[in-house]
PDB file of N, CA and C in Angstrom:
ATOM      1  N   MET A   1     -56.588 -38.355  13.877  1.00  0.00           N
ATOM      2  CA  MET A   1     -55.924 -37.428  14.750  1.00  0.00           C
ATOM      3  C   MET A   1     -54.518 -37.925  15.077  1.00  0.00           C
ATOM      4  N   ALA A   2     -54.359 -39.199  15.368  1.00  0.00           N
ATOM      5  CA  ALA A   2     -53.060 -39.763  15.669  1.00  0.00           C
ATOM      6  C   ALA A   2     -52.145 -39.657  14.453  1.00  0.00           C
ATOM      7  N   HIS A   3     -52.782 -39.789  13.267  1.00  0.00           N
ATOM      8  CA  HIS A   3     -52.021 -39.676  12.033  1.00  0.00           C
ATOM      9  C   HIS A   3     -51.483 -38.250  11.860  1.00  0.00           C
ATOM     10  N   THR A   4     -52.278 -37.249  12.153  1.00  0.00           N
ATOM     11  CA  THR A   4     -51.885 -35.852  12.044  1.00  0.00           C
ATOM     12  C   THR A   4     -50.804 -35.523  13.055  1.00  0.00           C
ATOM     13  N   LYS A   5     -50.966 -36.048  14.264  1.00  0.00           N
ATOM     14  CA  LYS A   5     -49.968 -35.815  15.301  1.00  0.00           C
ATOM     15  C   LYS A   5     -48.621 -36.408  14.894  1.00  0.00           C
ATOM     16  N   ALA A   6     -48.642 -37.584  14.301  1.00  0.00           N
ATOM     17  CA  ALA A   6     -47.412 -38.240  13.858  1.00  0.00           C
ATOM     18  C   ALA A   6     -46.764 -37.433  12.734  1.00  0.00           C
ATOM     19  N   ASN A   7     -47.589 -36.904  11.820  1.00  0.00           N
ATOM     20  CA  ASN A   7     -47.051 -36.083  10.724  1.00  0.00           C
ATOM     21  C   ASN A   7     -46.383 -34.820  11.257  1.00  0.00           C
ATOM     22  N   VAL A   8     -46.999 -34.183  12.253  1.00  0.00           N
ATOM     23  CA  VAL A   8     -46.437 -32.970  12.840  1.00  0.00           C
ATOM     24  C   VAL A   8     -45.095 -33.282  13.492  1.00  0.00           C
ATOM     25  N   ILE A   9     -45.023 -34.402  14.187  1.00  0.00           N
ATOM     26  CA  ILE A   9     -43.777 -34.791  14.849  1.00  0.00           C
ATOM     27  C   ILE A   9     -42.698 -35.082  13.804  1.00  0.00           C
ATOM     28  N   ILE A  10     -43.062 -35.799  12.741  1.00  0.00           N
ATOM     29  CA  ILE A  10     -42.090 -36.144  11.701  1.00  0.00           C
ATOM     30  C   ILE A  10     -41.585 -34.881  10.996  1.00  0.00           C
ATOM     31  N   VAL A  11     -42.500 -33.973  10.653  1.00  0.00           N
ATOM     32  CA  VAL A  11     -42.109 -32.734   9.982  1.00  0.00           C
ATOM     33  C   VAL A  11     -41.233 -31.892  10.904  1.00  0.00           C
ATOM     34  N   SER A  12     -41.609 -31.824  12.187  1.00  0.00           N
ATOM     35  CA  SER A  12     -40.818 -31.048  13.147  1.00  0.00           C
ATOM     36  C   SER A  12     -39.419 -31.620  13.292  1.00  0.00           C
ATOM     37  N   LEU A  13     -39.322 -32.932  13.409  1.00  0.00           N
ATOM     38  CA  LEU A  13     -38.009 -33.565  13.514  1.00  0.00           C
ATOM     39  C   LEU A  13     -37.194 -33.349  12.234  1.00  0.00           C
ATOM     40  N   GLY A  14     -37.860 -33.416  11.090  1.00  0.00           N
ATOM     41  CA  GLY A  14     -37.175 -33.192   9.815  1.00  0.00           C
ATOM     42  C   GLY A  14     -36.618 -31.774   9.725  1.00  0.00           C
ATOM     43  N   LEU A  15     -37.414 -30.784  10.144  1.00  0.00           N
ATOM     44  CA  LEU A  15     -36.956 -29.396  10.133  1.00  0.00           C
ATOM     45  C   LEU A  15     -35.797 -29.193  11.098  1.00  0.00           C
ATOM     46  N   LEU A  16     -35.909 -29.806  12.270  1.00  0.00           N
ATOM     47  CA  LEU A  16     -34.840 -29.698  13.256  1.00  0.00           C
ATOM     48  C   LEU A  16     -33.555 -30.321  12.714  1.00  0.00           C
ATOM     49  N   LEU A  17     -33.680 -31.473  12.087  1.00  0.00           N
ATOM     50  CA  LEU A  17     -32.520 -32.147  11.523  1.00  0.00           C
ATOM     51  C   LEU A  17     -31.908 -31.324  10.385  1.00  0.00           C
ATOM     52  N   MET A  18     -32.751 -30.744   9.541  1.00  0.00           N
ATOM     53  CA  MET A  18     -32.251 -29.928   8.431  1.00  0.00           C
ATOM     54  C   MET A  18     -31.533 -28.679   8.936  1.00  0.00           C
ATOM     55  N   SER A  19     -32.054 -28.072   9.982  1.00  0.00           N
ATOM     56  CA  SER A  19     -31.405 -26.864  10.501  1.00  0.00           C
ATOM     57  C   SER A  19     -30.069 -27.194  11.146  1.00  0.00           C
ATOM     58  N   ALA A  20     -29.936 -28.378  11.689  1.00  0.00           N
ATOM     59  CA  ALA A  20     -28.676 -28.779  12.312  1.00  0.00           C
ATOM     60  C   ALA A  20     -27.628 -29.128  11.258  1.00  0.00           C
ATOM     61  N   CYS A  21     -28.068 -29.496  10.058  1.00  0.00           N
ATOM     62  CA  CYS A  21     -27.140 -29.926   9.021  1.00  0.00           C
ATOM     63  C   CYS A  21     -26.744 -28.817   8.047  1.00  0.00           C
ATOM     64  N   THR A  22     -27.284 -27.650   8.200  1.00  0.00           N
ATOM     65  CA  THR A  22     -26.916 -26.586   7.264  1.00  0.00           C
ATOM     66  C   THR A  22     -25.475 -26.175   7.497  1.00  0.00           C
ATOM     67  N   SER A  23     -24.854 -25.737   6.437  1.00  0.00           N
ATOM     68  CA  SER A  23     -23.466 -25.302   6.560  1.00  0.00           C
ATOM     69  C   SER A  23     -23.418 -23.957   7.266  1.00  0.00           C
ATOM     70  N   PRO A  24     -22.325 -23.691   7.946  1.00  0.00           N
ATOM     71  CA  PRO A  24     -22.212 -22.414   8.652  1.00  0.00           C
ATOM     72  C   PRO A  24     -22.182 -21.254   7.660  1.00  0.00           C
ATOM     73  N   GLN A  25     -22.592 -20.110   8.131  1.00  0.00           N
ATOM     74  CA  GLN A  25     -22.582 -18.917   7.289  1.00  0.00           C
ATOM     75  C   GLN A  25     -21.144 -18.590   6.908  1.00  0.00           C
ATOM     76  N   PRO A  26     -20.923 -18.244   5.654  1.00  0.00           N
ATOM     77  CA  PRO A  26     -19.559 -17.886   5.260  1.00  0.00           C
ATOM     78  C   PRO A  26     -19.123 -16.604   5.952  1.00  0.00           C
ATOM     79  N   ASN A  27     -17.845 -16.511   6.173  1.00  0.00           N
ATOM     80  CA  ASN A  27     -17.292 -15.310   6.791  1.00  0.00           C
ATOM     81  C   ASN A  27     -17.304 -14.206   5.744  1.00  0.00           C
ATOM     82  N   THR A  28     -18.129 -13.194   5.973  1.00  0.00           N
ATOM     83  CA  THR A  28     -18.249 -12.118   4.985  1.00  0.00           C
ATOM     84  C   THR A  28     -17.300 -10.972   5.276  1.00  0.00           C
ATOM     85  N   GLU A  29     -16.522 -11.081   6.341  1.00  0.00           N
ATOM     86  CA  GLU A  29     -15.560 -10.026   6.658  1.00  0.00           C
ATOM     87  C   GLU A  29     -14.429 -10.070   5.646  1.00  0.00           C
ATOM     88  N   ILE A  30     -14.166  -8.954   5.045  1.00  0.00           N
ATOM     89  CA  ILE A  30     -13.098  -8.864   4.054  1.00  0.00           C
ATOM     90  C   ILE A  30     -11.875  -8.250   4.717  1.00  0.00           C
ATOM     91  N   THR A  31     -10.788  -8.958   4.630  1.00  0.00           N
ATOM     92  CA  THR A  31      -9.549  -8.430   5.177  1.00  0.00           C
ATOM     93  C   THR A  31      -8.889  -7.593   4.100  1.00  0.00           C
ATOM     94  N   ASN A  32      -8.697  -6.331   4.404  1.00  0.00           N
ATOM     95  CA  ASN A  32      -8.090  -5.420   3.443  1.00  0.00           C
ATOM     96  C   ASN A  32      -6.650  -5.170   3.855  1.00  0.00           C
ATOM     97  N   LYS A  33      -5.748  -5.844   3.184  1.00  0.00           N
ATOM     98  CA  LYS A  33      -4.330  -5.653   3.477  1.00  0.00           C
ATOM     99  C   LYS A  33      -3.809  -4.565   2.556  1.00  0.00           C
ATOM    100  N   THR A  34      -3.813  -3.361   3.065  1.00  0.00           N
ATOM    101  CA  THR A  34      -3.337  -2.256   2.242  1.00  0.00           C
ATOM    102  C   THR A  34      -1.849  -2.074   2.451  1.00  0.00           C
ATOM    103  N   LYS A  35      -1.193  -1.782   1.389  1.00  0.00           N
ATOM    104  CA  LYS A  35       0.230  -1.493   1.482  1.00  0.00           C
ATOM    105  C   LYS A  35       0.389  -0.004   1.691  1.00  0.00           C
ATOM    106  N   THR A  36       1.396   0.333   2.420  1.00  0.00           N
ATOM    107  CA  THR A  36       1.650   1.734   2.699  1.00  0.00           C
ATOM    108  C   THR A  36       2.297   2.397   1.495  1.00  0.00           C
ATOM    109  N   ILE A  37       1.790   3.575   1.163  1.00  0.00           N
ATOM    110  CA  ILE A  37       2.406   4.393   0.123  1.00  0.00           C
ATOM    111  C   ILE A  37       2.841   5.687   0.778  1.00  0.00           C
ATOM    112  N   ASP A  38       4.135   5.935   0.761  1.00  0.00           N
ATOM    113  CA  ASP A  38       4.687   7.162   1.326  1.00  0.00           C
ATOM    114  C   ASP A  38       5.004   8.110   0.180  1.00  0.00           C
ATOM    115  N   THR A  39       4.774   9.394   0.430  1.00  0.00           N
ATOM    116  CA  THR A  39       4.942  10.396  -0.618  1.00  0.00           C
ATOM    117  C   THR A  39       5.968  11.443  -0.224  1.00  0.00           C
ATOM    118  N   VAL A  40       6.819  11.771  -1.171  1.00  0.00           N
ATOM    119  CA  VAL A  40       7.764  12.879  -1.019  1.00  0.00           C
ATOM    120  C   VAL A  40       7.434  13.873  -2.129  1.00  0.00           C
ATOM    121  N   LEU A  41       7.128  15.101  -1.743  1.00  0.00           N
ATOM    122  CA  LEU A  41       6.869  16.147  -2.730  1.00  0.00           C
ATOM    123  C   LEU A  41       8.171  16.831  -3.115  1.00  0.00           C
ATOM    124  N   ILE A  42       8.304  17.100  -4.391  1.00  0.00           N
ATOM    125  CA  ILE A  42       9.420  17.901  -4.890  1.00  0.00           C
ATOM    126  C   ILE A  42       8.784  19.224  -5.303  1.00  0.00           C
ATOM    127  N   GLN A  43       9.033  20.228  -4.489  1.00  0.00           N
ATOM    128  CA  GLN A  43       8.372  21.515  -4.717  1.00  0.00           C
ATOM    129  C   GLN A  43       9.230  22.639  -4.157  1.00  0.00           C
ATOM    130  N   ASN A  44       9.285  23.747  -4.881  1.00  0.00           N
ATOM    131  CA  ASN A  44      10.107  24.894  -4.467  1.00  0.00           C
ATOM    132  C   ASN A  44      11.570  24.496  -4.284  1.00  0.00           C
ATOM    133  N   MET A  45      12.014  23.579  -5.139  1.00  0.00           N
ATOM    134  CA  MET A  45      13.415  23.141  -5.167  1.00  0.00           C
ATOM    135  C   MET A  45      13.860  22.428  -3.882  1.00  0.00           C
ATOM    136  N   VAL A  46      12.933  21.759  -3.199  1.00  0.00           N
ATOM    137  CA  VAL A  46      13.269  20.954  -2.020  1.00  0.00           C
ATOM    138  C   VAL A  46      12.448  19.665  -2.037  1.00  0.00           C
ATOM    139  N   PHE A  47      12.986  18.643  -1.365  1.00  0.00           N
ATOM    140  CA  PHE A  47      12.258  17.408  -1.121  1.00  0.00           C
ATOM    141  C   PHE A  47      11.520  17.577   0.206  1.00  0.00           C
ATOM    142  N   THR A  48      10.216  17.323   0.216  1.00  0.00           N
ATOM    143  CA  THR A  48       9.435  17.458   1.447  1.00  0.00           C
ATOM    144  C   THR A  48       8.656  16.176   1.693  1.00  0.00           C
ATOM    145  N   PRO A  49       8.920  15.456   2.781  1.00  0.00           N
ATOM    146  CA  PRO A  49       9.929  15.745   3.791  1.00  0.00           C
ATOM    147  C   PRO A  49      11.324  15.432   3.247  1.00  0.00           C
ATOM    148  N   ASP A  50      12.315  16.028   3.866  1.00  0.00           N
ATOM    149  CA  ASP A  50      13.687  15.786   3.397  1.00  0.00           C
ATOM    150  C   ASP A  50      14.270  14.505   3.983  1.00  0.00           C
ATOM    151  N   SER A  51      13.597  13.947   4.975  1.00  0.00           N
ATOM    152  CA  SER A  51      13.981  12.654   5.535  1.00  0.00           C
ATOM    153  C   SER A  51      12.699  11.875   5.793  1.00  0.00           C
ATOM    154  N   ILE A  52      12.673  10.641   5.305  1.00  0.00           N
ATOM    155  CA  ILE A  52      11.476   9.823   5.463  1.00  0.00           C
ATOM    156  C   ILE A  52      11.887   8.436   5.927  1.00  0.00           C
ATOM    157  N   SER A  53      11.140   7.886   6.876  1.00  0.00           N
ATOM    158  CA  SER A  53      11.405   6.557   7.425  1.00  0.00           C
ATOM    159  C   SER A  53      10.238   5.647   7.053  1.00  0.00           C
ATOM    160  N   VAL A  54      10.550   4.522   6.411  1.00  0.00           N
ATOM    161  CA  VAL A  54       9.511   3.620   5.918  1.00  0.00           C
ATOM    162  C   VAL A  54       9.873   2.176   6.245  1.00  0.00           C
ATOM    163  N   SER A  55       8.894   1.313   6.148  1.00  0.00           N
ATOM    164  CA  SER A  55       9.123  -0.121   6.329  1.00  0.00           C
ATOM    165  C   SER A  55       9.667  -0.716   5.037  1.00  0.00           C
ATOM    166  N   SER A  56      10.463  -1.753   5.172  1.00  0.00           N
ATOM    167  CA  SER A  56      10.995  -2.441   4.002  1.00  0.00           C
ATOM    168  C   SER A  56       9.837  -2.946   3.142  1.00  0.00           C
ATOM    169  N   GLY A  57       9.934  -2.721   1.859  1.00  0.00           N
ATOM    170  CA  GLY A  57       8.879  -3.145   0.944  1.00  0.00           C
ATOM    171  C   GLY A  57       7.819  -2.093   0.682  1.00  0.00           C
ATOM    172  N   SER A  58       7.875  -0.997   1.426  1.00  0.00           N
ATOM    173  CA  SER A  58       6.908   0.082   1.209  1.00  0.00           C
ATOM    174  C   SER A  58       7.127   0.726  -0.151  1.00  0.00           C
ATOM    175  N   THR A  59       6.075   1.313  -0.654  1.00  0.00           N
ATOM    176  CA  THR A  59       6.155   2.073  -1.897  1.00  0.00           C
ATOM    177  C   THR A  59       6.367   3.538  -1.554  1.00  0.00           C
ATOM    178  N   VAL A  60       7.351   4.141  -2.191  1.00  0.00           N
ATOM    179  CA  VAL A  60       7.624   5.567  -1.996  1.00  0.00           C
ATOM    180  C   VAL A  60       7.433   6.249  -3.347  1.00  0.00           C
ATOM    181  N   VAL A  61       6.614   7.293  -3.352  1.00  0.00           N
ATOM    182  CA  VAL A  61       6.338   8.034  -4.578  1.00  0.00           C
ATOM    183  C   VAL A  61       6.888   9.445  -4.430  1.00  0.00           C
ATOM    184  N   PHE A  62       7.726   9.839  -5.368  1.00  0.00           N
ATOM    185  CA  PHE A  62       8.271  11.193  -5.428  1.00  0.00           C
ATOM    186  C   PHE A  62       7.473  11.942  -6.497  1.00  0.00           C
ATOM    187  N   ILE A  63       6.790  13.006  -6.103  1.00  0.00           N
ATOM    188  CA  ILE A  63       5.944  13.768  -7.023  1.00  0.00           C
ATOM    189  C   ILE A  63       6.573  15.128  -7.283  1.00  0.00           C
ATOM    190  N   ASN A  64       6.866  15.400  -8.547  1.00  0.00           N
ATOM    191  CA  ASN A  64       7.498  16.663  -8.928  1.00  0.00           C
ATOM    192  C   ASN A  64       6.429  17.722  -9.202  1.00  0.00           C
ATOM    193  N   LYS A  65       6.332  18.694  -8.317  1.00  0.00           N
ATOM    194  CA  LYS A  65       5.394  19.809  -8.468  1.00  0.00           C
ATOM    195  C   LYS A  65       6.092  21.082  -8.938  1.00  0.00           C
ATOM    196  N   ASP A  66       7.390  20.995  -9.205  1.00  0.00           N
ATOM    197  CA  ASP A  66       8.127  22.149  -9.725  1.00  0.00           C
ATOM    198  C   ASP A  66       7.911  22.257 -11.233  1.00  0.00           C
ATOM    199  N   MET A  67       8.310  23.383 -11.782  1.00  0.00           N
ATOM    200  CA  MET A  67       8.196  23.622 -13.228  1.00  0.00           C
ATOM    201  C   MET A  67       9.396  23.057 -13.995  1.00  0.00           C
ATOM    202  N   VAL A  68      10.390  22.546 -13.271  1.00  0.00           N
ATOM    203  CA  VAL A  68      11.606  22.022 -13.904  1.00  0.00           C
ATOM    204  C   VAL A  68      11.782  20.551 -13.558  1.00  0.00           C
ATOM    205  N   ASP A  69      12.621  19.867 -14.320  1.00  0.00           N
ATOM    206  CA  ASP A  69      12.908  18.450 -14.089  1.00  0.00           C
ATOM    207  C   ASP A  69      13.798  18.277 -12.864  1.00  0.00           C
ATOM    208  N   HIS A  70      13.677  17.105 -12.246  1.00  0.00           N
ATOM    209  CA  HIS A  70      14.521  16.730 -11.107  1.00  0.00           C
ATOM    210  C   HIS A  70      14.855  15.253 -11.220  1.00  0.00           C
ATOM    211  N   THR A  71      15.778  14.802 -10.380  1.00  0.00           N
ATOM    212  CA  THR A  71      16.070  13.373 -10.251  1.00  0.00           C
ATOM    213  C   THR A  71      16.075  13.011  -8.775  1.00  0.00           C
ATOM    214  N   VAL A  72      15.953  11.728  -8.513  1.00  0.00           N
ATOM    215  CA  VAL A  72      16.187  11.164  -7.181  1.00  0.00           C
ATOM    216  C   VAL A  72      17.325  10.177  -7.390  1.00  0.00           C
ATOM    217  N   THR A  73      18.510  10.552  -6.929  1.00  0.00           N
ATOM    218  CA  THR A  73      19.716   9.780  -7.220  1.00  0.00           C
ATOM    219  C   THR A  73      20.428   9.411  -5.924  1.00  0.00           C
ATOM    220  N   ASP A  74      20.760   8.131  -5.800  1.00  0.00           N
ATOM    221  CA  ASP A  74      21.499   7.630  -4.637  1.00  0.00           C
ATOM    222  C   ASP A  74      22.874   8.298  -4.608  1.00  0.00           C
ATOM    223  N   GLN A  75      23.207   8.968  -3.497  1.00  0.00           N
ATOM    224  CA  GLN A  75      24.505   9.657  -3.395  1.00  0.00           C
ATOM    225  C   GLN A  75      25.679   8.697  -3.439  1.00  0.00           C
ATOM    226  N   ALA A  76      25.518   7.504  -2.893  1.00  0.00           N
ATOM    227  CA  ALA A  76      26.622   6.545  -2.839  1.00  0.00           C
ATOM    228  C   ALA A  76      26.779   5.759  -4.140  1.00  0.00           C
ATOM    229  N   ASP A  77      25.703   5.661  -4.918  1.00  0.00           N
ATOM    230  CA  ASP A  77      25.743   4.881  -6.158  1.00  0.00           C
ATOM    231  C   ASP A  77      24.851   5.565  -7.190  1.00  0.00           C
ATOM    232  N   THR A  78      25.447   6.452  -7.973  1.00  0.00           N
ATOM    233  CA  THR A  78      24.662   7.259  -8.916  1.00  0.00           C
ATOM    234  C   THR A  78      24.020   6.438 -10.033  1.00  0.00           C
ATOM    235  N   SER A  79      24.384   5.152 -10.134  1.00  0.00           N
ATOM    236  CA  SER A  79      23.706   4.312 -11.128  1.00  0.00           C
ATOM    237  C   SER A  79      22.262   4.033 -10.706  1.00  0.00           C
ATOM    238  N   HIS A  80      21.973   4.217  -9.425  1.00  0.00           N
ATOM    239  CA  HIS A  80      20.597   4.099  -8.930  1.00  0.00           C
ATOM    240  C   HIS A  80      19.967   5.478  -8.943  1.00  0.00           C
ATOM    241  N   SER A  81      19.296   5.779 -10.041  1.00  0.00           N
ATOM    242  CA  SER A  81      18.688   7.092 -10.220  1.00  0.00           C
ATOM    243  C   SER A  81      17.324   6.950 -10.878  1.00  0.00           C
ATOM    244  N   SER A  82      16.481   7.895 -10.580  1.00  0.00           N
ATOM    245  CA  SER A  82      15.137   7.896 -11.157  1.00  0.00           C
ATOM    246  C   SER A  82      15.132   8.254 -12.634  1.00  0.00           C
ATOM    247  N   GLY A  83      16.203   8.874 -13.103  1.00  0.00           N
ATOM    248  CA  GLY A  83      16.138   9.503 -14.413  1.00  0.00           C
ATOM    249  C   GLY A  83      15.369  10.806 -14.242  1.00  0.00           C
ATOM    250  N   MET A  84      15.072  11.468 -15.326  1.00  0.00           N
ATOM    251  CA  MET A  84      14.376  12.752 -15.253  1.00  0.00           C
ATOM    252  C   MET A  84      12.931  12.572 -14.782  1.00  0.00           C
ATOM    253  N   ILE A  85      12.577  13.317 -13.766  1.00  0.00           N
ATOM    254  CA  ILE A  85      11.179  13.367 -13.325  1.00  0.00           C
ATOM    255  C   ILE A  85      10.656  14.723 -13.792  1.00  0.00           C
ATOM    256  N   HIS A  86       9.829  14.695 -14.809  1.00  0.00           N
ATOM    257  CA  HIS A  86       9.323  15.930 -15.393  1.00  0.00           C
ATOM    258  C   HIS A  86       8.283  16.584 -14.482  1.00  0.00           C
ATOM    259  N   SER A  87       8.009  17.848 -14.748  1.00  0.00           N
ATOM    260  CA  SER A  87       7.002  18.599 -13.998  1.00  0.00           C
ATOM    261  C   SER A  87       5.665  17.851 -14.019  1.00  0.00           C
ATOM    262  N   ASP A  88       5.006  17.806 -12.868  1.00  0.00           N
ATOM    263  CA  ASP A  88       3.725  17.100 -12.699  1.00  0.00           C
ATOM    264  C   ASP A  88       3.816  15.613 -13.024  1.00  0.00           C
ATOM    265  N   SER A  89       4.984  15.041 -12.830  1.00  0.00           N
ATOM    266  CA  SER A  89       5.175  13.604 -12.998  1.00  0.00           C
ATOM    267  C   SER A  89       5.638  13.013 -11.673  1.00  0.00           C
ATOM    268  N   ALA A  90       5.714  11.691 -11.644  1.00  0.00           N
ATOM    269  CA  ALA A  90       6.101  11.016 -10.405  1.00  0.00           C
ATOM    270  C   ALA A  90       7.080   9.886 -10.697  1.00  0.00           C
ATOM    271  N   TYR A  91       7.832   9.548  -9.673  1.00  0.00           N
ATOM    272  CA  TYR A  91       8.758   8.418  -9.706  1.00  0.00           C
ATOM    273  C   TYR A  91       8.417   7.541  -8.512  1.00  0.00           C
ATOM    274  N   THR A  92       8.246   6.244  -8.748  1.00  0.00           N
ATOM    275  CA  THR A  92       7.872   5.309  -7.689  1.00  0.00           C
ATOM    276  C   THR A  92       8.986   4.297  -7.490  1.00  0.00           C
ATOM    277  N   LEU A  93       9.295   4.030  -6.225  1.00  0.00           N
ATOM    278  CA  LEU A  93      10.280   2.992  -5.925  1.00  0.00           C
ATOM    279  C   LEU A  93       9.780   2.128  -4.782  1.00  0.00           C
ATOM    280  N   LYS A  94      10.270   0.889  -4.764  1.00  0.00           N
ATOM    281  CA  LYS A  94       9.998  -0.053  -3.686  1.00  0.00           C
ATOM    282  C   LYS A  94      11.166   0.048  -2.719  1.00  0.00           C
ATOM    283  N   ALA A  95      10.888   0.462  -1.478  1.00  0.00           N
ATOM    284  CA  ALA A  95      11.948   0.705  -0.492  1.00  0.00           C
ATOM    285  C   ALA A  95      12.564  -0.611  -0.036  1.00  0.00           C
ATOM    286  N   ASP A  96      13.839  -0.803  -0.373  1.00  0.00           N
ATOM    287  CA  ASP A  96      14.527  -2.021   0.055  1.00  0.00           C
ATOM    288  C   ASP A  96      15.844  -1.743   0.771  1.00  0.00           C
ATOM    289  N   LYS A  97      16.262  -0.462   0.767  1.00  0.00           N
ATOM    290  CA  LYS A  97      17.492  -0.114   1.485  1.00  0.00           C
ATOM    291  C   LYS A  97      17.458   1.367   1.830  1.00  0.00           C
ATOM    292  N   SER A  98      18.214   1.722   2.845  1.00  0.00           N
ATOM    293  CA  SER A  98      18.347   3.131   3.231  1.00  0.00           C
ATOM    294  C   SER A  98      19.405   3.786   2.353  1.00  0.00           C
ATOM    295  N   PHE A  99      19.174   5.047   2.007  1.00  0.00           N
ATOM    296  CA  PHE A  99      20.185   5.789   1.261  1.00  0.00           C
ATOM    297  C   PHE A  99      19.909   7.285   1.309  1.00  0.00           C
ATOM    298  N   ASN A 100      20.979   8.035   1.142  1.00  0.00           N
ATOM    299  CA  ASN A 100      20.877   9.484   0.981  1.00  0.00           C
ATOM    300  C   ASN A 100      20.725   9.740  -0.513  1.00  0.00           C
ATOM    301  N   TYR A 101      19.864  10.670  -0.854  1.00  0.00           N
ATOM    302  CA  TYR A 101      19.669  10.966  -2.266  1.00  0.00           C
ATOM    303  C   TYR A 101      19.754  12.470  -2.515  1.00  0.00           C
ATOM    304  N   TYR A 102      19.909  12.803  -3.777  1.00  0.00           N
ATOM    305  CA  TYR A 102      19.979  14.209  -4.184  1.00  0.00           C
ATOM    306  C   TYR A 102      19.463  14.325  -5.613  1.00  0.00           C
ATOM    307  N   CYS A 103      19.280  15.548  -6.070  1.00  0.00           N
ATOM    308  CA  CYS A 103      18.902  15.813  -7.455  1.00  0.00           C
ATOM    309  C   CYS A 103      20.183  16.072  -8.241  1.00  0.00           C
ATOM    310  N   MET A 104      20.427  15.294  -9.283  1.00  0.00           N
ATOM    311  CA  MET A 104      21.652  15.462 -10.083  1.00  0.00           C
ATOM    312  C   MET A 104      21.679  16.816 -10.797  1.00  0.00           C
ATOM    313  N   ILE A 105      20.529  17.364 -11.094  1.00  0.00           N
ATOM    314  CA  ILE A 105      20.459  18.648 -11.794  1.00  0.00           C
ATOM    315  C   ILE A 105      20.673  19.808 -10.826  1.00  0.00           C
ATOM    316  N   HIS A 106      20.166  19.630  -9.607  1.00  0.00           N
ATOM    317  CA  HIS A 106      20.253  20.670  -8.567  1.00  0.00           C
ATOM    318  C   HIS A 106      20.852  20.025  -7.311  1.00  0.00           C
ATOM    319  N   PRO A 107      22.167  19.864  -7.253  1.00  0.00           N
ATOM    320  CA  PRO A 107      22.820  19.100  -6.179  1.00  0.00           C
ATOM    321  C   PRO A 107      22.578  19.615  -4.759  1.00  0.00           C
ATOM    322  N   VAL A 108      22.080  20.836  -4.620  1.00  0.00           N
ATOM    323  CA  VAL A 108      21.782  21.326  -3.266  1.00  0.00           C
ATOM    324  C   VAL A 108      20.502  20.697  -2.718  1.00  0.00           C
ATOM    325  N   MET A 109      19.717  20.079  -3.587  1.00  0.00           N
ATOM    326  CA  MET A 109      18.495  19.390  -3.152  1.00  0.00           C
ATOM    327  C   MET A 109      18.882  18.002  -2.658  1.00  0.00           C
ATOM    328  N   LYS A 110      18.654  17.752  -1.366  1.00  0.00           N
ATOM    329  CA  LYS A 110      19.060  16.478  -0.770  1.00  0.00           C
ATOM    330  C   LYS A 110      17.956  15.924   0.109  1.00  0.00           C
ATOM    331  N   GLY A 111      17.992  14.607   0.269  1.00  0.00           N
ATOM    332  CA  GLY A 111      17.035  13.942   1.139  1.00  0.00           C
ATOM    333  C   GLY A 111      17.592  12.626   1.636  1.00  0.00           C
ATOM    334  N   LYS A 112      16.832  11.992   2.495  1.00  0.00           N
ATOM    335  CA  LYS A 112      17.278  10.729   3.089  1.00  0.00           C
ATOM    336  C   LYS A 112      16.086   9.785   3.192  1.00  0.00           C
ATOM    337  N   LEU A 113      16.303   8.541   2.761  1.00  0.00           N
ATOM    338  CA  LEU A 113      15.307   7.487   2.894  1.00  0.00           C
ATOM    339  C   LEU A 113      15.852   6.465   3.881  1.00  0.00           C
ATOM    340  N   VAL A 114      15.135   6.254   4.971  1.00  0.00           N
ATOM    341  CA  VAL A 114      15.537   5.282   5.995  1.00  0.00           C
ATOM    342  C   VAL A 114      14.550   4.119   5.942  1.00  0.00           C
ATOM    343  N   VAL A 115      15.075   2.927   5.708  1.00  0.00           N
ATOM    344  CA  VAL A 115      14.244   1.730   5.627  1.00  0.00           C
ATOM    345  C   VAL A 115      14.499   0.882   6.865  1.00  0.00           C
ATOM    346  N   HIS A 116      13.421   0.496   7.543  1.00  0.00           N
ATOM    347  CA  HIS A 116      13.561  -0.345   8.746  1.00  0.00           C
ATOM    348  C   HIS A 116      12.753  -1.600   8.609  1.00  0.00           C
TER     349      HIS A 116
END
């Protein structure tokens, strides 16, 4: 009987010691750092919205829903242009500066990108 009692105590102490030595549970929470994607629709010969404010580094996607080609061209520096954005196509840029833009094909189409 004393032998059994000693075994129970030893096993109990062993289990207690093992439970104290286990590693902590890993953190299963997943941090989802999503980047913002802002969209400008090109439809009915206008940019919608015609003025958009985004954070620096944001992705801005211009989606052409018109039946004709358009461009997104910096008014101050026409070398910064999307090139032709065909119907049902998109142009993506990483916002790093504010600028006024227009469509080189249809100059009455204008918009503004404000980066903060």
